[in-house]
Amino acid sequence: MAGGIGSRFWPMSTQKFPKQFQDILGTGRTMIQQTYDRISKVIPKEHIFVITNKEYVALSHQQLPEIPEENIVGEPLMKNTAACNLYMANKIAEINPNATMIVLPADHLILKEDVFLEKVMLAFDLASKHDYLVTLGITPTRPDTGYGYIQFVEKKNSEYFKVKTFTEKPILEIAQSFLESGDFLWNAGIFIWNMKSIHHAFEMYLPEMTQHFMACEYNSEKENSCIETIYPKVQKISIDNGILEKAKNVYVIPSDLGWSDLGTWTSIYENTEKDKDGNAMKLKHLLAYNSKGNIIRVKNNKAVIIDGLENYIVVDTDKALLICPRDNDQLIKDYVLDLKSFKKGDKFM
């Protein structure tokens, strides 16, 4: 899945050039390229599909020339994750109705790749043999309010557990209680299921959406025009809210993957090398006085001097400058919405 615009990572991530197509951490590979590199070790390239916004199809081709052109699919509208999951399940089922499918966000960091691949193979085994909707849950390391949480039913000596509840981005006190309880995991948005199980779930919990998508002939010349016709009618809802919170056959595999969704400036800060004062600043010409805990990103090789700044985000791009406390990084999405209210505010997006 590579269709989002990453508004919490503004102004570096923009509508024209969202974060999944950027080399955020300076590794030499963009986030979507790293996701491809990771999963292509266990899945042949001809079986890998990208679903993105139609605006980003050409960019996806450019960054992933290994993937067949017909496997990069553009959505006409942003409809959240339920629609794109059903769309891709229908395309895959038309090719192989017995396939097992893994859903991966294109912009996540996974440091423990061997562990990830081991958990993926376990998930494939479970999903191919059972009527399970499987997800990888990340072992939490802190009470983070920016992630969703999965509560599981504990069972001794098991590699996977039945899911009890999903909770979307709790307040700090509740996140702390989740961490202390020991039976909650972060929701990484990584899902594995077979065609029969996911189609049955959509028929049961999102029947109207299922009916809309049944109108199309997949992997045919008629597919694109049909998708253009049905998408305005399709409900905008996440796969979590639409299916997983309601289904009774969801199972989670606890996974310590060295994972981050890199969705906020704080997550970038945590995964970036810092100086002795805790400043994350990859700049040649920067002087920092009496400053600590900051993340600074500046384009065009500018000289930067900061004095007396503590725990701030400073991001300077060609079109916008952001200065805000790191503690407020969850508000950046709101800042972007407010900026859009300006006359011609969209040009800063």
Protein backbone atom coordinates (compact mmCIF):
# COMPACT_ATOMS: atom_id res chain seq x y z
CA MET A 1 0.00 0.00 0.00
CA ALA A 2 1.62 3.23 -1.16
CA GLY A 3 -1.16 5.76 -1.62
CA GLY A 4 -0.94 8.04 1.42
CA ILE A 5 0.44 11.57 1.47
CA GLY A 6 2.08 11.40 4.93
CA SER A 7 0.63 14.67 6.24
CA ARG A 8 2.07 14.08 9.75
CA PHE A 9 5.50 14.26 8.10
CA TRP A 10 4.83 17.63 6.42
CA PRO A 11 6.51 19.72 5.07
CA MET A 12 9.02 17.09 3.89
CA SER A 13 6.20 14.81 2.75
CA THR A 14 3.92 16.57 0.29
CA GLN A 15 1.05 15.64 -1.99
CA LYS A 16 3.34 15.69 -5.02
CA PHE A 17 6.18 13.78 -3.36
CA PRO A 18 5.00 11.77 -0.32
CA LYS A 19 7.34 10.14 2.17
CA GLN A 20 7.13 6.57 0.82
CA PHE A 21 9.03 7.76 -2.26
CA GLN A 22 11.77 9.49 -0.24
CA ASP A 23 15.01 8.26 1.31
CA ILE A 24 14.09 9.60 4.73
CA LEU A 25 16.95 8.07 6.72
CA GLY A 26 19.71 8.49 4.13
CA THR A 27 20.14 4.77 3.36
CA GLY A 28 20.35 5.15 -0.42
CA ARG A 29 16.93 3.48 -0.91
CA THR A 30 13.49 5.06 -0.56
CA MET A 31 10.93 3.61 1.85
CA ILE A 32 8.97 1.83 -0.89
CA GLN A 33 12.20 0.42 -2.33
CA GLN A 34 13.21 -0.91 1.09
CA THR A 35 9.78 -2.55 1.47
CA TYR A 36 10.22 -4.21 -1.93
CA ASP A 37 13.78 -5.33 -1.07
CA ARG A 38 12.50 -6.93 2.13
CA ILE A 39 9.49 -8.86 0.80
CA SER A 40 11.11 -9.87 -2.51
CA LYS A 41 13.30 -12.27 -0.53
CA VAL A 42 10.27 -14.54 -0.03
CA ILE A 43 7.86 -13.50 -2.81
CA PRO A 44 8.73 -13.50 -6.55
CA LYS A 45 8.65 -10.03 -8.13
CA GLU A 46 5.87 -11.05 -10.53
CA HIS A 47 3.66 -11.77 -7.50
CA ILE A 48 4.28 -8.37 -5.87
CA PHE A 49 1.62 -5.69 -6.41
CA VAL A 50 1.67 -1.99 -5.53
CA ILE A 51 -1.56 -0.09 -4.99
CA THR A 52 -1.17 3.65 -4.88
CA ASN A 53 -2.92 6.85 -5.90
CA LYS A 54 -3.10 7.19 -9.68
CA GLU A 55 -0.91 10.32 -9.32
CA TYR A 56 1.95 8.12 -8.11
CA VAL A 57 1.80 5.26 -10.64
CA ALA A 58 4.60 6.71 -12.80
CA LEU A 59 6.73 7.43 -9.72
CA SER A 60 6.17 3.85 -8.51
CA HIS A 61 7.27 2.49 -11.91
CA GLN A 62 10.34 4.70 -11.80
CA GLN A 63 11.37 3.55 -8.32
CA LEU A 64 10.43 -0.13 -8.76
CA PRO A 65 11.35 -1.06 -12.35
CA GLU A 66 11.63 -4.71 -11.26
CA ILE A 67 7.86 -5.03 -10.79
CA PRO A 68 5.74 -5.73 -13.92
CA GLU A 69 3.92 -2.58 -15.06
CA GLU A 70 0.50 -4.21 -14.78
CA ASN A 71 1.20 -4.96 -11.09
CA ILE A 72 1.29 -1.25 -10.18
CA VAL A 73 -2.29 -0.12 -9.71
CA GLY A 74 -3.58 3.43 -9.28
CA GLU A 75 -6.71 4.24 -7.25
CA PRO A 76 -8.80 7.09 -8.70
CA LEU A 77 -9.71 8.39 -5.22
CA MET A 78 -8.35 8.00 -1.68
CA LYS A 79 -10.83 5.74 0.11
CA ASN A 80 -8.73 4.51 3.06
CA THR A 81 -7.50 0.93 3.39
CA ALA A 82 -10.64 -1.26 3.16
CA ALA A 83 -11.25 -0.40 -0.50
CA CYS A 84 -7.66 -0.93 -1.63
CA ASN A 85 -7.49 -4.27 0.21
CA LEU A 86 -10.65 -5.54 -1.47
CA TYR A 87 -9.53 -4.23 -4.86
CA MET A 88 -6.22 -6.07 -4.64
CA ALA A 89 -7.81 -9.23 -3.21
CA ASN A 90 -10.14 -9.32 -6.23
CA LYS A 91 -7.27 -8.88 -8.68
CA ILE A 92 -5.20 -11.59 -7.01
CA ALA A 93 -8.15 -13.99 -6.67
CA GLU A 94 -8.84 -13.69 -10.40
CA ILE A 95 -5.29 -14.90 -11.04
CA ASN A 96 -5.24 -17.52 -8.26
CA PRO A 97 -8.34 -18.08 -6.09
CA ASN A 98 -6.25 -20.17 -3.67
CA ALA A 99 -3.60 -17.50 -3.09
CA THR A 100 -2.53 -16.22 0.31
CA MET A 101 -1.96 -12.47 0.42
CA ILE A 102 0.22 -10.23 2.60
CA VAL A 103 -0.59 -6.52 2.97
CA LEU A 104 2.35 -4.22 3.72
CA PRO A 105 2.47 -0.44 4.19
CA ALA A 106 5.18 0.96 1.90
CA ASP A 107 6.71 3.37 4.39
CA HIS A 108 7.68 1.37 7.49
CA LEU A 109 11.12 0.82 8.99
CA ILE A 110 12.01 -2.77 9.96
CA LEU A 111 15.51 -3.23 11.35
CA LYS A 112 15.29 -6.94 12.25
CA GLU A 113 14.67 -8.25 8.76
CA ASP A 114 15.40 -11.91 9.52
CA VAL A 115 12.84 -11.91 12.35
CA PHE A 116 10.32 -10.21 10.07
CA LEU A 117 10.70 -12.85 7.35
CA GLU A 118 10.43 -15.64 9.93
CA LYS A 119 7.15 -14.18 11.27
CA VAL A 120 5.84 -13.66 7.73
CA MET A 121 6.43 -17.32 6.88
CA LEU A 122 4.60 -18.37 10.07
CA ALA A 123 1.71 -16.07 9.13
CA PHE A 124 1.56 -17.51 5.61
CA ASP A 125 1.44 -21.02 7.05
CA LEU A 126 -1.41 -20.14 9.44
CA ALA A 127 -3.44 -18.18 6.89
CA SER A 128 -3.09 -20.78 4.15
CA LYS A 129 -4.30 -23.63 6.41
CA HIS A 130 -7.00 -21.91 8.49
CA ASP A 131 -9.86 -19.43 8.21
CA TYR A 132 -7.73 -16.83 9.98
CA LEU A 133 -7.15 -13.12 9.41
CA VAL A 134 -3.57 -12.80 10.66
CA THR A 135 -1.72 -9.67 11.70
CA LEU A 136 1.76 -8.97 13.04
CA GLY A 137 1.65 -7.13 16.36
CA ILE A 138 4.70 -5.18 17.50
CA THR A 139 5.98 -5.63 21.05
CA PRO A 140 5.56 -2.11 22.54
CA THR A 141 8.54 -0.37 24.12
CA ARG A 142 6.82 2.77 25.40
CA PRO A 143 3.29 4.19 25.94
CA ASP A 144 2.96 5.69 22.45
CA THR A 145 -0.26 7.59 21.68
CA GLY A 146 0.43 7.64 17.93
CA TYR A 147 -0.18 3.93 17.38
CA GLY A 148 -3.21 1.66 17.49
CA TYR A 149 -3.14 -1.24 19.97
CA ILE A 150 -4.13 -4.91 19.68
CA GLN A 151 -5.18 -6.80 22.81
CA PHE A 152 -4.76 -10.57 22.64
CA VAL A 153 -6.03 -13.54 24.63
CA GLU A 154 -3.02 -15.02 26.42
CA LYS A 155 -2.16 -18.67 25.93
CA LYS A 156 0.98 -20.41 27.18
CA ASN A 157 3.71 -21.58 24.82
CA SER A 158 2.14 -20.23 21.64
CA GLU A 159 3.62 -18.25 18.75
CA TYR A 160 0.28 -16.61 17.96
CA PHE A 161 -2.85 -15.53 19.85
CA LYS A 162 -6.51 -14.78 19.23
CA VAL A 163 -7.23 -11.05 19.10
CA LYS A 164 -9.57 -9.69 21.76
CA THR A 165 -9.80 -5.96 20.94
CA PHE A 166 -8.42 -3.20 18.71
CA THR A 167 -7.95 0.30 20.19
CA GLU A 168 -7.22 3.31 18.00
CA LYS A 169 -4.55 5.78 19.30
CA PRO A 170 -5.33 5.99 23.05
CA ILE A 171 -4.55 8.88 25.40
CA LEU A 172 -1.27 8.64 27.34
CA GLU A 173 -2.75 7.24 30.57
CA ILE A 174 -4.50 4.42 28.71
CA ALA A 175 -1.41 3.71 26.59
CA GLN A 176 0.59 3.41 29.82
CA SER A 177 -1.91 0.91 31.24
CA PHE A 178 -1.73 -1.09 27.99
CA LEU A 179 2.06 -1.26 28.26
CA GLU A 180 1.92 -2.39 31.89
CA SER A 181 -0.74 -5.05 31.27
CA GLY A 182 1.49 -7.07 28.95
CA ASP A 183 -1.33 -8.26 26.69
CA PHE A 184 -1.30 -5.39 24.19
CA LEU A 185 0.74 -4.97 21.01
CA TRP A 186 1.14 -2.12 18.54
CA ASN A 187 -0.89 -2.45 15.35
CA ALA A 188 1.62 -2.35 12.48
CA GLY A 189 -0.95 -2.59 9.69
CA ILE A 190 0.64 -5.78 8.34
CA PHE A 191 -2.01 -8.38 7.43
CA ILE A 192 -1.98 -11.90 5.97
CA TRP A 193 -5.01 -13.90 4.78
CA ASN A 194 -6.20 -16.33 2.14
CA MET A 195 -8.64 -15.28 -0.58
CA LYS A 196 -11.61 -17.20 0.79
CA SER A 197 -11.24 -15.77 4.32
CA ILE A 198 -10.88 -12.12 3.33
CA HIS A 199 -13.70 -12.26 0.78
CA HIS A 200 -15.99 -13.89 3.34
CA ALA A 201 -15.12 -11.14 5.84
CA PHE A 202 -15.95 -8.40 3.33
CA GLU A 203 -19.24 -10.09 2.42
CA MET A 204 -20.17 -10.27 6.11
CA TYR A 205 -19.03 -6.86 7.38
CA LEU A 206 -18.89 -4.60 4.30
CA PRO A 207 -21.53 -6.10 1.97
CA GLU A 208 -22.27 -2.87 0.08
CA MET A 209 -18.60 -2.36 -0.74
CA THR A 210 -18.38 -5.99 -1.82
CA GLN A 211 -21.31 -5.50 -4.21
CA HIS A 212 -19.70 -2.44 -5.80
CA PHE A 213 -16.44 -4.29 -6.47
CA MET A 214 -18.23 -7.36 -7.84
CA ALA A 215 -19.29 -5.26 -10.85
CA CYS A 216 -15.76 -5.21 -12.29
CA GLU A 217 -13.86 -7.67 -14.48
CA TYR A 218 -10.38 -7.83 -13.00
CA ASN A 219 -7.16 -7.97 -15.02
CA SER A 220 -9.12 -7.10 -18.16
CA GLU A 221 -9.33 -4.06 -20.44
CA LYS A 222 -12.60 -3.08 -18.72
CA GLU A 223 -11.13 -2.96 -15.21
CA ASN A 224 -9.95 0.67 -15.12
CA SER A 225 -13.17 2.22 -16.41
CA CYS A 226 -15.22 0.11 -13.99
CA ILE A 227 -13.04 1.11 -11.03
CA GLU A 228 -13.38 4.79 -12.03
CA THR A 229 -17.16 4.33 -11.99
CA ILE A 230 -17.51 2.53 -8.65
CA TYR A 231 -14.93 4.38 -6.53
CA PRO A 232 -17.05 7.50 -5.89
CA LYS A 233 -19.76 5.19 -4.47
CA VAL A 234 -17.42 3.19 -2.21
CA GLN A 235 -17.40 3.85 1.55
CA LYS A 236 -14.26 5.51 2.93
CA ILE A 237 -13.24 3.30 5.86
CA SER A 238 -10.12 1.55 7.14
CA ILE A 239 -9.70 -2.22 7.03
CA ASP A 240 -9.32 -2.07 10.83
CA ASN A 241 -12.66 -0.33 11.44
CA GLY A 242 -14.51 -2.08 8.65
CA ILE A 243 -13.35 -5.68 9.14
CA LEU A 244 -10.80 -6.45 11.83
CA GLU A 245 -12.57 -4.84 14.80
CA LYS A 246 -15.69 -6.91 14.03
CA ALA A 247 -14.32 -10.26 12.85
CA LYS A 248 -14.06 -13.14 15.32
CA ASN A 249 -11.25 -14.97 13.53
CA VAL A 250 -8.39 -12.45 13.86
CA TYR A 251 -5.08 -13.77 15.18
CA VAL A 252 -1.91 -11.87 16.03
CA ILE A 253 1.73 -12.93 15.98
CA PRO A 254 3.79 -10.92 18.53
CA SER A 255 6.85 -9.61 16.72
CA ASP A 256 9.94 -7.73 17.86
CA LEU A 257 11.02 -6.35 14.50
CA GLY A 258 12.87 -3.13 15.29
CA TRP A 259 9.78 -1.52 13.75
CA SER A 260 8.66 2.06 13.30
CA ASP A 261 5.98 3.42 10.99
CA LEU A 262 8.13 6.54 10.48
CA GLY A 263 4.88 8.45 10.48
CA THR A 264 5.97 11.41 12.58
CA TRP A 265 8.99 13.61 13.11
CA THR A 266 9.45 12.03 16.55
CA SER A 267 9.80 8.59 14.95
CA ILE A 268 12.39 10.03 12.54
CA TYR A 269 14.21 11.57 15.51
CA GLU A 270 14.30 8.22 17.32
CA ASN A 271 15.80 6.47 14.29
CA THR A 272 18.39 9.09 13.35
CA GLU A 273 21.97 9.41 14.60
CA LYS A 274 22.36 12.20 17.16
CA ASP A 275 25.17 14.38 18.47
CA LYS A 276 26.30 14.49 22.12
CA ASP A 277 23.40 16.82 22.98
CA GLY A 278 20.76 14.61 21.40
CA ASN A 279 20.32 16.77 18.30
CA ALA A 280 19.42 14.87 15.11
CA MET A 281 20.86 17.07 12.38
CA LYS A 282 22.37 15.79 9.13
CA LEU A 283 23.78 19.14 8.03
CA LYS A 284 27.27 20.19 6.95
CA HIS A 285 26.96 23.83 7.95
CA LEU A 286 25.21 23.88 11.31
CA LEU A 287 26.14 25.47 14.61
CA ALA A 288 24.16 24.54 17.73
CA TYR A 289 24.61 26.49 20.97
CA ASN A 290 22.89 25.56 24.25
CA SER A 291 20.53 23.36 22.26
CA LYS A 292 19.50 19.75 22.77
CA GLY A 293 16.93 17.17 21.68
CA ASN A 294 16.12 18.87 18.36
CA ILE A 295 15.55 17.46 14.89
CA ILE A 296 16.62 19.81 12.11
CA ARG A 297 16.07 19.24 8.38
CA VAL A 298 17.04 21.92 5.86
CA LYS A 299 17.19 21.78 2.05
CA ASN A 300 19.56 23.53 -0.36
CA ASN A 301 22.67 23.22 1.82
CA LYS A 302 21.86 26.32 3.89
CA ALA A 303 23.93 27.37 6.87
CA VAL A 304 21.92 26.98 10.09
CA ILE A 305 22.58 28.45 13.54
CA ILE A 306 20.39 27.58 16.53
CA ASP A 307 20.76 28.89 20.07
CA GLY A 308 18.74 27.99 23.18
CA LEU A 309 16.44 25.55 21.41
CA GLU A 310 15.31 22.39 23.21
CA ASN A 311 13.19 19.49 21.91
CA TYR A 312 12.02 21.24 18.74
CA ILE A 313 11.28 20.22 15.17
CA VAL A 314 12.68 22.61 12.55
CA VAL A 315 12.06 21.70 8.90
CA ASP A 316 12.82 24.09 6.06
CA THR A 317 11.85 23.16 2.49
CA ASP A 318 11.53 25.10 -0.76
CA LYS A 319 7.91 26.03 0.02
CA ALA A 320 7.45 25.88 3.79
CA LEU A 321 9.10 26.29 7.18
CA LEU A 322 7.89 24.33 10.22
CA ILE A 323 8.99 25.16 13.77
CA CYS A 324 7.18 23.39 16.60
CA PRO A 325 7.86 21.47 19.84
CA ARG A 326 8.54 17.77 19.33
CA ASP A 327 5.75 17.02 21.81
CA ASN A 328 3.29 18.57 19.33
CA ASP A 329 4.20 16.42 16.34
CA GLN A 330 0.77 14.74 16.41
CA LEU A 331 -0.72 18.19 15.70
CA ILE A 332 1.11 18.64 12.39
CA LYS A 333 -1.79 17.05 10.54
CA ASP A 334 -4.03 19.76 12.03
CA TYR A 335 -1.56 22.49 11.06
CA VAL A 336 -1.75 21.25 7.46
CA LEU A 337 -5.56 21.40 7.48
CA ASP A 338 -5.44 24.95 8.86
CA LEU A 339 -2.90 25.96 6.20
CA LYS A 340 -5.23 24.66 3.49
CA SER A 341 -7.82 27.23 4.59
CA PHE A 342 -5.55 30.02 3.30
CA LYS A 343 -6.17 31.35 -0.17
CA LYS A 344 -3.99 29.18 -2.44
CA GLY A 345 -2.94 27.21 0.65
CA ASP A 346 -2.86 24.01 -1.40
CA LYS A 347 0.34 25.12 -3.10
CA PHE A 348 2.18 24.47 0.18
CA MET A 349 0.95 20.87 0.33
